[in-house]
Amino acid sequence: MSILLDAGPILNFVAVSEQGLLLGLAEAHDLSLAAPEKVREEVDRKAATGRFARTGALSTWRKLVAAGRVGILDDTLTDEFVAAVVRVSGQQATDRVRSSKDLGELMVIAHASVLSQQGTDVFVLIDEGDGRKRALREKEWLATAGAAGTLTLWNTPQVLKQTAPERWKSIYTRMRDFDDGLAPLC
């Protein structure tokens, strides 16, 4: 079983030096952390610029990958992967992968779909609203198609509440300094 990570959550956890929470969550549930190649590229690019550049996000991220703590998934467009990309995006796969807008989320969901169809239970960590909607639609499709594995959708607050129940609000507030897309605390 795996936790597939989108770029936003990765960046947020490493920017506030709380990557240990993701690692601990994976270890506690005997899961592995993984990200598609396109997500790796996005994290590399974004971690070196803007708000993230003044943190240790890029070096921490690269250490996690180099140490094998986060696996990188091959984005080669196999038949099964192409079908998932088309279904999730509503576009031809070769056209869709040329556009970087929300590509990381799309690749996370497509990988999760393929893994679920192959019998793997997959957890997906996505915070962005459109990506979450697409993941939920794919989860429904997988259930209807009788996939042997499951897709479970998580967001950052859920992970923080599980891994740092007493500190989750303060960590989340720090993360919001790096990600304008994270919803305010209610």
Foldseek 3Di string as FASTA:
>chain_A
DEEEEALLVLLLCLQLVNVVLVLVVCVVVVYAAEFEPLRVVVNLVVCCDDPNVVGCSNVVVVVCDVVRSYDYDYPPDDPQLQVQLCLLPVDRPVVVCVDSVCVRLSSSLSVCLVCQQVQAAYEYEDQADSSVVSSVVSQVVCVVVVGNYGYHYDYQLVSCCVRPVVCSLVSVVSSCVVPVRHDDDD
